Amino acid sequence: MRAATNALAVCVLVACDQKEASSPAPAPATAPAERNPSSQSPSERAIRATAAGPAAVVNLVLEWDTAGLRFDERHAEALGRVNCYILEEDCLSTEPGWDMITAVRGYEVQAIHEDADSAVYAIRFDEIGTLSGETMKATSGTQPDTLWLKRINGMWRIVSVESQMGPHLSPTAAFRMQAGLVSDTAKLAAWLGLHR
């Protein structure tokens, strides 16, 4: 069993702002199922990801998290189709009010387990540090986050409250969200490694 699990382990390293900075080439007009993902609504993308498999769900959640989109009303509503923390209560998956965000350079995804109806992924973020109002604090040596996924009615969903991660934003998204909360945006940009 251990050998099979190790054979499944796949790592992907994503640099957040490189992913944000690149935009896919416009897709030709085609059927909705083949449209460019950036032209799809958040709900359409969530539905497609949950149908595609656990890796697609993890990639979508991390893309929206690091871009700072998970708190946008349309994206938050679409995440309701992805998260199912408390199945017994009609997939209750409320998002708490977060007092701080974690700025990240990128992340690494590792498949720990995957079978026909469940999957587990470990996410290790390359953290810059935490931001809360004017406070910027460097972090190091953080533990990976774990996402537990289960196929429910044919759709892959993130299950278990333990799968809920705090916000992780790319430097660009962190700057965009925090700039109005700090008195010295030049200091914030320098701390995030942005050259403004």
N, C-alpha and C. Protein backbone atom coordinates (compact mmCIF):
# COMPACT_ATOMS: atom_id res chain seq x y z
N MET A 1 0.82 -1.20 0.00
CA MET A 1 0.00 0.00 0.00
C MET A 1 0.86 1.25 0.00
N ARG A 2 1.93 1.26 0.76
CA ARG A 2 2.80 2.43 0.84
C ARG A 2 3.41 2.74 -0.52
N ALA A 3 3.86 1.71 -1.24
CA ALA A 3 4.45 1.93 -2.56
C ALA A 3 3.43 2.55 -3.51
N ALA A 4 2.18 2.11 -3.45
CA ALA A 4 1.15 2.68 -4.32
C ALA A 4 0.91 4.14 -3.99
N THR A 5 0.89 4.47 -2.71
CA THR A 5 0.70 5.86 -2.32
C THR A 5 1.85 6.72 -2.81
N ASN A 6 3.08 6.26 -2.67
CA ASN A 6 4.22 7.04 -3.13
C ASN A 6 4.20 7.22 -4.63
N ALA A 7 3.74 6.21 -5.37
CA ALA A 7 3.67 6.33 -6.82
C ALA A 7 2.66 7.39 -7.22
N LEU A 8 1.63 7.62 -6.39
CA LEU A 8 0.64 8.63 -6.68
C LEU A 8 1.13 10.04 -6.44
N ALA A 9 2.11 10.20 -5.58
CA ALA A 9 2.54 11.54 -5.19
C ALA A 9 3.04 12.31 -6.40
N VAL A 10 2.35 13.39 -6.69
CA VAL A 10 2.71 14.26 -7.80
C VAL A 10 2.83 15.66 -7.23
N CYS A 11 3.91 16.32 -7.53
CA CYS A 11 4.11 17.67 -7.02
C CYS A 11 4.03 18.67 -8.15
N VAL A 12 3.43 19.79 -7.87
CA VAL A 12 3.36 20.88 -8.82
C VAL A 12 3.72 22.14 -8.06
N LEU A 13 4.68 22.89 -8.58
CA LEU A 13 5.07 24.15 -7.96
C LEU A 13 4.54 25.29 -8.81
N VAL A 14 3.80 26.19 -8.21
CA VAL A 14 3.21 27.30 -8.93
C VAL A 14 3.70 28.60 -8.31
N ALA A 15 4.22 29.48 -9.15
CA ALA A 15 4.59 30.82 -8.71
C ALA A 15 3.37 31.70 -8.92
N CYS A 16 2.87 32.29 -7.85
CA CYS A 16 1.58 32.97 -7.89
C CYS A 16 1.52 34.11 -8.88
N ASP A 17 2.41 35.08 -8.80
CA ASP A 17 2.28 36.24 -9.67
C ASP A 17 2.58 35.92 -11.12
N GLN A 18 3.38 34.89 -11.40
CA GLN A 18 3.58 34.50 -12.79
C GLN A 18 2.26 34.00 -13.36
N LYS A 19 1.52 33.24 -12.58
CA LYS A 19 0.24 32.72 -13.02
C LYS A 19 -0.74 33.88 -13.20
N GLU A 20 -0.73 34.85 -12.29
CA GLU A 20 -1.62 35.99 -12.39
C GLU A 20 -1.28 36.85 -13.60
N ALA A 21 0.02 37.03 -13.85
CA ALA A 21 0.46 37.94 -14.90
C ALA A 21 0.15 37.39 -16.28
N SER A 22 0.17 36.07 -16.44
CA SER A 22 -0.09 35.50 -17.76
C SER A 22 -1.58 35.33 -17.95
N SER A 23 -2.04 35.66 -19.13
CA SER A 23 -3.45 35.42 -19.43
C SER A 23 -3.52 34.55 -20.66
N PRO A 24 -4.41 33.59 -20.65
CA PRO A 24 -4.49 32.68 -21.79
C PRO A 24 -4.92 33.42 -23.04
N ALA A 25 -4.50 32.92 -24.18
CA ALA A 25 -4.91 33.51 -25.45
C ALA A 25 -6.40 33.34 -25.60
N PRO A 26 -7.06 34.31 -26.22
CA PRO A 26 -8.51 34.18 -26.38
C PRO A 26 -8.84 32.92 -27.18
N ALA A 27 -9.85 32.22 -26.72
CA ALA A 27 -10.28 31.01 -27.41
C ALA A 27 -11.28 31.37 -28.49
N PRO A 28 -11.30 30.61 -29.57
CA PRO A 28 -12.30 30.87 -30.61
C PRO A 28 -13.69 30.58 -30.07
N ALA A 29 -14.68 31.18 -30.70
CA ALA A 29 -16.06 30.95 -30.26
C ALA A 29 -16.40 29.48 -30.47
N THR A 30 -16.72 28.80 -29.39
CA THR A 30 -17.05 27.38 -29.45
C THR A 30 -18.21 27.10 -28.51
N ALA A 31 -18.54 25.84 -28.41
CA ALA A 31 -19.60 25.45 -27.50
C ALA A 31 -19.20 25.80 -26.08
N PRO A 32 -20.16 26.08 -25.18
CA PRO A 32 -19.84 26.48 -23.81
C PRO A 32 -18.89 25.53 -23.09
N ALA A 33 -18.97 24.24 -23.33
CA ALA A 33 -18.10 23.29 -22.64
C ALA A 33 -16.64 23.45 -23.04
N GLU A 34 -16.38 24.09 -24.18
CA GLU A 34 -15.01 24.24 -24.66
C GLU A 34 -14.51 25.67 -24.55
N ARG A 35 -15.28 26.55 -23.97
CA ARG A 35 -14.88 27.95 -23.90
C ARG A 35 -13.65 28.13 -23.03
N ASN A 36 -12.97 29.23 -23.27
CA ASN A 36 -11.81 29.63 -22.49
C ASN A 36 -12.27 29.75 -21.02
N PRO A 37 -11.53 29.14 -20.07
CA PRO A 37 -11.95 29.21 -18.66
C PRO A 37 -12.13 30.64 -18.16
N SER A 38 -11.35 31.60 -18.68
CA SER A 38 -11.47 32.96 -18.18
C SER A 38 -12.76 33.63 -18.64
N SER A 39 -13.42 33.07 -19.66
CA SER A 39 -14.69 33.64 -20.11
C SER A 39 -15.88 32.99 -19.43
N GLN A 40 -15.65 31.96 -18.64
CA GLN A 40 -16.73 31.29 -17.93
C GLN A 40 -17.01 31.99 -16.62
N SER A 41 -18.26 31.91 -16.19
CA SER A 41 -18.60 32.47 -14.89
C SER A 41 -17.94 31.63 -13.81
N PRO A 42 -17.77 32.19 -12.60
CA PRO A 42 -17.22 31.39 -11.50
C PRO A 42 -18.03 30.12 -11.25
N SER A 43 -19.35 30.20 -11.34
CA SER A 43 -20.18 29.01 -11.12
C SER A 43 -19.92 27.95 -12.18
N GLU A 44 -19.78 28.37 -13.45
CA GLU A 44 -19.48 27.41 -14.52
C GLU A 44 -18.14 26.74 -14.28
N ARG A 45 -17.14 27.53 -13.88
CA ARG A 45 -15.82 26.96 -13.63
C ARG A 45 -15.85 25.99 -12.45
N ALA A 46 -16.61 26.32 -11.40
CA ALA A 46 -16.71 25.44 -10.24
C ALA A 46 -17.38 24.12 -10.62
N ILE A 47 -18.45 24.20 -11.39
CA ILE A 47 -19.15 22.98 -11.82
C ILE A 47 -18.23 22.11 -12.66
N ARG A 48 -17.50 22.72 -13.60
CA ARG A 48 -16.59 21.95 -14.45
C ARG A 48 -15.48 21.31 -13.63
N ALA A 49 -14.95 22.04 -12.66
CA ALA A 49 -13.85 21.50 -11.83
C ALA A 49 -14.34 20.32 -11.00
N THR A 50 -15.53 20.44 -10.40
CA THR A 50 -16.03 19.34 -9.56
C THR A 50 -16.35 18.11 -10.39
N ALA A 51 -16.68 18.30 -11.66
CA ALA A 51 -16.94 17.15 -12.54
C ALA A 51 -15.63 16.55 -13.06
N ALA A 52 -14.59 17.36 -13.20
CA ALA A 52 -13.33 16.91 -13.81
C ALA A 52 -12.51 16.01 -12.89
N GLY A 53 -12.50 16.29 -11.60
CA GLY A 53 -11.73 15.45 -10.68
C GLY A 53 -11.11 16.26 -9.57
N PRO A 54 -10.50 15.57 -8.60
CA PRO A 54 -9.97 16.25 -7.42
C PRO A 54 -8.85 17.24 -7.74
N ALA A 55 -7.97 16.93 -8.67
CA ALA A 55 -6.88 17.85 -9.00
C ALA A 55 -7.42 19.16 -9.57
N ALA A 56 -8.48 19.08 -10.39
CA ALA A 56 -9.09 20.28 -10.94
C ALA A 56 -9.70 21.15 -9.85
N VAL A 57 -10.31 20.51 -8.85
CA VAL A 57 -10.90 21.25 -7.73
C VAL A 57 -9.80 21.96 -6.95
N VAL A 58 -8.73 21.25 -6.62
CA VAL A 58 -7.62 21.84 -5.86
C VAL A 58 -7.01 23.00 -6.64
N ASN A 59 -6.78 22.82 -7.93
CA ASN A 59 -6.19 23.89 -8.74
C ASN A 59 -7.08 25.12 -8.78
N LEU A 60 -8.39 24.94 -8.92
CA LEU A 60 -9.31 26.07 -8.96
C LEU A 60 -9.32 26.82 -7.64
N VAL A 61 -9.41 26.08 -6.54
CA VAL A 61 -9.45 26.71 -5.21
C VAL A 61 -8.17 27.51 -4.96
N LEU A 62 -7.02 26.95 -5.30
CA LEU A 62 -5.76 27.66 -5.08
C LEU A 62 -5.61 28.86 -6.01
N GLU A 63 -6.08 28.73 -7.23
CA GLU A 63 -6.04 29.87 -8.17
C GLU A 63 -6.84 31.04 -7.62
N TRP A 64 -8.07 30.76 -7.17
CA TRP A 64 -8.92 31.82 -6.65
C TRP A 64 -8.41 32.36 -5.33
N ASP A 65 -7.86 31.50 -4.48
CA ASP A 65 -7.34 31.92 -3.19
C ASP A 65 -6.18 32.89 -3.39
N THR A 66 -5.18 32.51 -4.18
CA THR A 66 -3.99 33.35 -4.32
C THR A 66 -4.26 34.61 -5.13
N ALA A 67 -5.30 34.62 -5.94
CA ALA A 67 -5.66 35.82 -6.69
C ALA A 67 -6.53 36.76 -5.86
N GLY A 68 -6.92 36.34 -4.66
CA GLY A 68 -7.75 37.17 -3.79
C GLY A 68 -9.21 37.17 -4.20
N LEU A 69 -9.64 36.16 -4.95
CA LEU A 69 -11.01 36.12 -5.46
C LEU A 69 -11.99 35.41 -4.56
N ARG A 70 -11.53 34.67 -3.58
CA ARG A 70 -12.45 33.84 -2.79
C ARG A 70 -13.43 34.66 -1.97
N PHE A 71 -13.14 35.95 -1.75
CA PHE A 71 -14.06 36.79 -0.99
C PHE A 71 -14.96 37.63 -1.88
N ASP A 72 -14.72 37.60 -3.18
CA ASP A 72 -15.60 38.24 -4.14
C ASP A 72 -16.93 37.49 -4.11
N GLU A 73 -18.03 38.20 -4.14
CA GLU A 73 -19.34 37.57 -3.94
C GLU A 73 -19.61 36.44 -4.94
N ARG A 74 -19.33 36.65 -6.22
CA ARG A 74 -19.61 35.61 -7.22
C ARG A 74 -18.72 34.38 -7.01
N HIS A 75 -17.46 34.60 -6.66
CA HIS A 75 -16.55 33.48 -6.45
C HIS A 75 -16.87 32.75 -5.14
N ALA A 76 -17.22 33.51 -4.12
CA ALA A 76 -17.60 32.89 -2.84
C ALA A 76 -18.83 32.01 -3.02
N GLU A 77 -19.80 32.48 -3.79
CA GLU A 77 -20.99 31.69 -4.06
C GLU A 77 -20.63 30.42 -4.84
N ALA A 78 -19.74 30.54 -5.82
CA ALA A 78 -19.31 29.38 -6.61
C ALA A 78 -18.56 28.37 -5.74
N LEU A 79 -17.81 28.86 -4.75
CA LEU A 79 -17.10 27.94 -3.86
C LEU A 79 -18.07 27.10 -3.04
N GLY A 80 -19.29 27.57 -2.88
CA GLY A 80 -20.32 26.77 -2.22
C GLY A 80 -20.60 25.47 -2.97
N ARG A 81 -20.31 25.45 -4.27
CA ARG A 81 -20.48 24.24 -5.07
C ARG A 81 -19.28 23.31 -4.91
N VAL A 82 -18.18 23.84 -4.38
CA VAL A 82 -16.93 23.09 -4.25
C VAL A 82 -16.77 22.56 -2.83
N ASN A 83 -17.07 23.37 -1.84
CA ASN A 83 -16.88 23.00 -0.44
C ASN A 83 -18.11 22.29 0.11
N CYS A 84 -17.87 21.31 0.92
CA CYS A 84 -18.96 20.58 1.60
C CYS A 84 -18.41 20.15 2.96
N TYR A 85 -18.23 21.12 3.86
CA TYR A 85 -17.60 20.84 5.14
C TYR A 85 -18.46 19.98 6.06
N ILE A 86 -19.77 20.22 6.06
CA ILE A 86 -20.64 19.46 6.95
C ILE A 86 -21.77 18.88 6.11
N LEU A 87 -21.55 17.67 5.60
CA LEU A 87 -22.49 16.99 4.71
C LEU A 87 -23.86 16.83 5.36
N GLU A 88 -23.86 16.50 6.64
CA GLU A 88 -25.12 16.25 7.36
C GLU A 88 -26.00 17.49 7.43
N GLU A 89 -25.45 18.67 7.21
CA GLU A 89 -26.21 19.92 7.25
C GLU A 89 -26.25 20.56 5.87
N ASP A 90 -26.59 19.76 4.86
CA ASP A 90 -26.70 20.23 3.47
C ASP A 90 -25.42 20.93 2.99
N CYS A 91 -24.30 20.34 3.32
CA CYS A 91 -22.98 20.85 2.90
C CYS A 91 -22.70 22.25 3.44
N LEU A 92 -23.11 22.51 4.66
CA LEU A 92 -22.82 23.80 5.29
C LEU A 92 -21.31 24.06 5.20
N SER A 93 -20.95 25.21 4.64
CA SER A 93 -19.53 25.54 4.42
C SER A 93 -19.31 27.03 4.58
N THR A 94 -19.60 27.55 5.75
CA THR A 94 -19.46 28.99 5.96
C THR A 94 -17.99 29.39 6.03
N GLU A 95 -17.72 30.59 5.57
CA GLU A 95 -16.37 31.15 5.58
C GLU A 95 -16.28 32.10 6.78
N PRO A 96 -15.32 31.88 7.68
CA PRO A 96 -15.20 32.79 8.82
C PRO A 96 -14.66 34.15 8.39
N GLY A 97 -14.77 35.12 9.26
CA GLY A 97 -14.16 36.42 9.01
C GLY A 97 -12.69 36.32 9.41
N TRP A 98 -11.80 36.44 8.43
CA TRP A 98 -10.37 36.27 8.69
C TRP A 98 -9.77 37.61 9.10
N ASP A 99 -8.99 37.62 10.19
CA ASP A 99 -8.35 38.84 10.67
C ASP A 99 -7.02 39.11 9.99
N MET A 100 -6.46 38.09 9.33
CA MET A 100 -5.19 38.29 8.66
C MET A 100 -5.13 37.44 7.39
N ILE A 101 -4.21 37.83 6.52
CA ILE A 101 -3.97 37.06 5.31
C ILE A 101 -2.50 36.65 5.31
N THR A 102 -2.20 35.63 4.54
CA THR A 102 -0.82 35.19 4.38
C THR A 102 -0.41 35.50 2.94
N ALA A 103 0.66 36.25 2.79
CA ALA A 103 1.20 36.54 1.46
C ALA A 103 2.13 35.40 1.08
N VAL A 104 1.99 34.91 -0.15
CA VAL A 104 2.77 33.76 -0.59
C VAL A 104 3.39 34.03 -1.96
N ARG A 105 4.58 33.46 -2.17
CA ARG A 105 5.26 33.54 -3.47
C ARG A 105 4.73 32.48 -4.43
N GLY A 106 4.26 31.39 -3.88
CA GLY A 106 3.77 30.27 -4.68
C GLY A 106 3.37 29.14 -3.77
N TYR A 107 3.14 27.99 -4.36
CA TYR A 107 2.74 26.83 -3.56
C TYR A 107 3.11 25.56 -4.30
N GLU A 108 3.19 24.50 -3.53
CA GLU A 108 3.48 23.18 -4.05
C GLU A 108 2.32 22.27 -3.67
N VAL A 109 1.82 21.52 -4.62
CA VAL A 109 0.71 20.61 -4.40
C VAL A 109 1.22 19.18 -4.51
N GLN A 110 0.87 18.37 -3.54
CA GLN A 110 1.27 16.97 -3.57
C GLN A 110 0.06 16.09 -3.33
N ALA A 111 -0.19 15.18 -4.27
CA ALA A 111 -1.27 14.20 -4.10
C ALA A 111 -0.78 13.15 -3.12
N ILE A 112 -1.48 13.01 -2.01
CA ILE A 112 -1.12 12.04 -0.97
C ILE A 112 -1.86 10.73 -1.20
N HIS A 113 -3.12 10.84 -1.56
CA HIS A 113 -3.97 9.66 -1.75
C HIS A 113 -5.03 10.00 -2.80
N GLU A 114 -5.33 9.04 -3.65
CA GLU A 114 -6.44 9.23 -4.58
C GLU A 114 -6.97 7.86 -4.97
N ASP A 115 -8.29 7.71 -4.85
CA ASP A 115 -8.96 6.51 -5.36
C ASP A 115 -10.24 6.97 -6.05
N ALA A 116 -11.13 6.05 -6.35
CA ALA A 116 -12.32 6.36 -7.13
C ALA A 116 -13.25 7.38 -6.46
N ASP A 117 -13.26 7.42 -5.12
CA ASP A 117 -14.23 8.28 -4.43
C ASP A 117 -13.64 9.22 -3.39
N SER A 118 -12.32 9.21 -3.20
CA SER A 118 -11.72 10.13 -2.22
C SER A 118 -10.30 10.49 -2.64
N ALA A 119 -9.86 11.62 -2.14
CA ALA A 119 -8.50 12.08 -2.43
C ALA A 119 -8.03 12.98 -1.29
N VAL A 120 -6.72 13.02 -1.11
CA VAL A 120 -6.11 13.89 -0.10
C VAL A 120 -4.92 14.57 -0.76
N TYR A 121 -4.84 15.89 -0.62
CA TYR A 121 -3.73 16.68 -1.17
C TYR A 121 -3.09 17.49 -0.06
N ALA A 122 -1.78 17.58 -0.10
CA ALA A 122 -1.03 18.46 0.81
C ALA A 122 -0.61 19.69 0.01
N ILE A 123 -0.79 20.86 0.60
CA ILE A 123 -0.42 22.11 -0.04
C ILE A 123 0.63 22.77 0.85
N ARG A 124 1.80 23.02 0.29
CA ARG A 124 2.85 23.72 1.03
C ARG A 124 3.05 25.08 0.35
N PHE A 125 2.77 26.13 1.10
CA PHE A 125 2.89 27.49 0.58
C PHE A 125 4.29 28.03 0.84
N ASP A 126 4.83 28.75 -0.13
CA ASP A 126 6.09 29.47 0.03
C ASP A 126 5.71 30.85 0.58
N GLU A 127 5.66 30.94 1.90
CA GLU A 127 5.13 32.13 2.56
C GLU A 127 6.14 33.26 2.66
N ILE A 128 5.62 34.46 2.45
CA ILE A 128 6.38 35.69 2.73
C ILE A 128 6.12 36.06 4.18
N GLY A 129 4.85 36.06 4.56
CA GLY A 129 4.47 36.39 5.93
C GLY A 129 3.00 36.71 6.04
N THR A 130 2.59 37.14 7.22
CA THR A 130 1.19 37.47 7.47
C THR A 130 1.00 38.97 7.50
N LEU A 131 -0.19 39.38 7.09
CA LEU A 131 -0.58 40.79 7.08
C LEU A 131 -1.89 40.94 7.84
N SER A 132 -1.92 41.93 8.71
CA SER A 132 -3.13 42.26 9.43
C SER A 132 -3.11 43.76 9.67
N GLY A 133 -3.89 44.48 8.87
CA GLY A 133 -3.86 45.94 8.96
C GLY A 133 -2.46 46.46 8.65
N GLU A 134 -1.89 47.20 9.59
CA GLU A 134 -0.53 47.76 9.42
C GLU A 134 0.57 46.77 9.77
N THR A 135 0.22 45.65 10.37
CA THR A 135 1.22 44.70 10.86
C THR A 135 1.64 43.72 9.78
N MET A 136 2.95 43.66 9.54
CA MET A 136 3.53 42.71 8.59
C MET A 136 4.52 41.86 9.37
N LYS A 137 4.34 40.55 9.33
CA LYS A 137 5.19 39.66 10.11
C LYS A 137 5.68 38.52 9.22
N ALA A 138 7.00 38.38 9.11
CA ALA A 138 7.57 37.30 8.31
C ALA A 138 7.29 35.96 8.99
N THR A 139 7.09 34.93 8.17
CA THR A 139 6.86 33.58 8.70
C THR A 139 7.86 32.63 8.07
N SER A 140 8.09 31.53 8.75
CA SER A 140 8.97 30.49 8.20
C SER A 140 8.61 29.16 8.83
N GLY A 141 8.92 28.09 8.12
CA GLY A 141 8.72 26.75 8.66
C GLY A 141 7.28 26.38 8.92
N THR A 142 6.36 26.79 8.06
CA THR A 142 4.95 26.49 8.28
C THR A 142 4.62 25.05 7.88
N GLN A 143 3.59 24.51 8.48
CA GLN A 143 3.12 23.17 8.17
C GLN A 143 2.26 23.21 6.91
N PRO A 144 2.25 22.12 6.15
CA PRO A 144 1.39 22.11 4.96
C PRO A 144 -0.09 22.05 5.35
N ASP A 145 -0.92 22.60 4.49
CA ASP A 145 -2.37 22.48 4.65
C ASP A 145 -2.79 21.19 3.96
N THR A 146 -3.84 20.57 4.44
CA THR A 146 -4.33 19.32 3.85
C THR A 146 -5.75 19.52 3.38
N LEU A 147 -6.01 19.14 2.14
CA LEU A 147 -7.36 19.19 1.59
C LEU A 147 -7.86 17.76 1.41
N TRP A 148 -9.03 17.48 1.98
CA TRP A 148 -9.68 16.18 1.88
C TRP A 148 -10.82 16.34 0.89
N LEU A 149 -10.85 15.48 -0.11
CA LEU A 149 -11.90 15.55 -1.13
C LEU A 149 -12.65 14.23 -1.20
N LYS A 150 -13.92 14.34 -1.56
CA LYS A 150 -14.76 13.15 -1.68
C LYS A 150 -15.70 13.35 -2.86
N ARG A 151 -15.97 12.26 -3.57
CA ARG A 151 -16.96 12.32 -4.65
C ARG A 151 -18.33 12.18 -4.01
N ILE A 152 -19.18 13.21 -4.19
CA ILE A 152 -20.53 13.23 -3.64
C ILE A 152 -21.49 13.44 -4.81
N ASN A 153 -22.36 12.47 -5.03
CA ASN A 153 -23.30 12.53 -6.15
C ASN A 153 -22.59 12.80 -7.48
N GLY A 154 -21.44 12.17 -7.66
CA GLY A 154 -20.70 12.28 -8.91
C GLY A 154 -19.82 13.51 -9.04
N MET A 155 -19.82 14.40 -8.05
CA MET A 155 -19.04 15.64 -8.11
C MET A 155 -17.99 15.63 -6.99
N TRP A 156 -16.79 16.08 -7.31
CA TRP A 156 -15.70 16.14 -6.32
C TRP A 156 -15.87 17.39 -5.48
N ARG A 157 -15.87 17.21 -4.16
CA ARG A 157 -16.06 18.31 -3.22
C ARG A 157 -14.98 18.27 -2.14
N ILE A 158 -14.61 19.43 -1.65
CA ILE A 158 -13.70 19.51 -0.50
C ILE A 158 -14.55 19.31 0.74
N VAL A 159 -14.16 18.31 1.55
CA VAL A 159 -14.95 17.96 2.72
C VAL A 159 -14.12 18.18 3.98
N SER A 160 -14.80 18.28 5.09
CA SER A 160 -14.19 18.39 6.41
C SER A 160 -13.77 19.82 6.71
N VAL A 161 -14.18 20.29 7.86
CA VAL A 161 -13.81 21.63 8.32
C VAL A 161 -12.29 21.77 8.41
N GLU A 162 -11.59 20.65 8.67
CA GLU A 162 -10.12 20.69 8.75
C GLU A 162 -9.49 21.07 7.42
N SER A 163 -10.25 20.98 6.32
CA SER A 163 -9.74 21.36 5.01
C SER A 163 -9.77 22.88 4.79
N GLN A 164 -10.45 23.59 5.67
CA GLN A 164 -10.59 25.03 5.49
C GLN A 164 -9.27 25.74 5.76
N MET A 165 -8.78 26.46 4.75
CA MET A 165 -7.50 27.17 4.86
C MET A 165 -7.75 28.66 5.01
N GLY A 166 -6.86 29.32 5.73
CA GLY A 166 -6.90 30.77 5.77
C GLY A 166 -6.53 31.33 4.41
N PRO A 167 -6.77 32.62 4.18
CA PRO A 167 -6.47 33.21 2.88
C PRO A 167 -4.96 33.27 2.61
N HIS A 168 -4.57 32.88 1.39
CA HIS A 168 -3.19 32.94 0.92
C HIS A 168 -3.19 33.76 -0.36
N LEU A 169 -2.55 34.92 -0.35
CA LEU A 169 -2.60 35.80 -1.51
C LEU A 169 -1.21 35.98 -2.11
N SER A 170 -1.19 36.08 -3.43
CA SER A 170 0.06 36.40 -4.12
C SER A 170 0.48 37.80 -3.71
N PRO A 171 1.74 38.17 -3.93
CA PRO A 171 2.17 39.53 -3.58
C PRO A 171 1.31 40.61 -4.22
N THR A 172 0.96 40.45 -5.50
CA THR A 172 0.15 41.44 -6.19
C THR A 172 -1.24 41.54 -5.58
N ALA A 173 -1.87 40.40 -5.33
CA ALA A 173 -3.21 40.39 -4.73
C ALA A 173 -3.17 40.94 -3.30
N ALA A 174 -2.14 40.58 -2.54
CA ALA A 174 -2.00 41.09 -1.17
C ALA A 174 -1.85 42.60 -1.17
N PHE A 175 -1.07 43.12 -2.10
CA PHE A 175 -0.89 44.58 -2.19
C PHE A 175 -2.21 45.24 -2.52
N ARG A 176 -2.91 44.69 -3.50
CA ARG A 176 -4.20 45.25 -3.92
C ARG A 176 -5.19 45.28 -2.76
N MET A 177 -5.22 44.21 -1.94
CA MET A 177 -6.18 44.14 -0.84
C MET A 177 -5.77 44.97 0.37
N GLN A 178 -4.46 45.11 0.60
CA GLN A 178 -3.99 45.78 1.81
C GLN A 178 -3.62 47.25 1.61
N ALA A 179 -3.46 47.70 0.38
CA ALA A 179 -2.97 49.06 0.14
C ALA A 179 -3.82 50.13 0.82
N GLY A 180 -5.13 49.94 0.87
CA GLY A 180 -6.01 50.91 1.52
C GLY A 180 -5.99 50.84 3.04
N LEU A 181 -5.33 49.82 3.59
CA LEU A 181 -5.32 49.63 5.04
C LEU A 181 -4.02 50.08 5.70
N VAL A 182 -3.01 50.40 4.90
CA VAL A 182 -1.71 50.78 5.46
C VAL A 182 -1.40 52.22 5.12
N SER A 183 -0.60 52.85 5.96
CA SER A 183 -0.23 54.25 5.72
C SER A 183 0.97 54.38 4.78
N ASP A 184 1.79 53.35 4.68
CA ASP A 184 2.99 53.41 3.85
C ASP A 184 2.96 52.28 2.81
N THR A 185 2.40 52.59 1.63
CA THR A 185 2.29 51.56 0.60
C THR A 185 3.65 51.18 0.02
N ALA A 186 4.60 52.09 0.06
CA ALA A 186 5.96 51.76 -0.44
C ALA A 186 6.58 50.69 0.44
N LYS A 187 6.39 50.81 1.75
CA LYS A 187 6.91 49.80 2.68
C LYS A 187 6.24 48.45 2.45
N LEU A 188 4.91 48.47 2.23
CA LEU A 188 4.17 47.24 1.95
C LEU A 188 4.69 46.59 0.67
N ALA A 189 4.84 47.38 -0.39
CA ALA A 189 5.33 46.85 -1.66
C ALA A 189 6.72 46.24 -1.52
N ALA A 190 7.61 46.92 -0.79
CA ALA A 190 8.96 46.40 -0.58
C ALA A 190 8.92 45.10 0.22
N TRP A 191 8.10 45.05 1.25
CA TRP A 191 7.99 43.85 2.08
C TRP A 191 7.48 42.67 1.26
N LEU A 192 6.57 42.94 0.34
CA LEU A 192 6.01 41.90 -0.52
C LEU A 192 6.95 41.52 -1.68
N GLY A 193 8.01 42.29 -1.84
CA GLY A 193 8.95 42.01 -2.93
C GLY A 193 8.51 42.59 -4.26
N LEU A 194 7.61 43.56 -4.21
CA LEU A 194 7.13 44.22 -5.43
C LEU A 194 7.95 45.48 -5.66
N HIS A 195 8.26 45.76 -6.87
CA HIS A 195 9.02 46.97 -7.20
C HIS A 195 8.06 47.96 -7.84
N ARG A 196 7.68 48.95 -7.05
CA ARG A 196 6.70 49.96 -7.53
C ARG A 196 7.37 51.29 -7.67
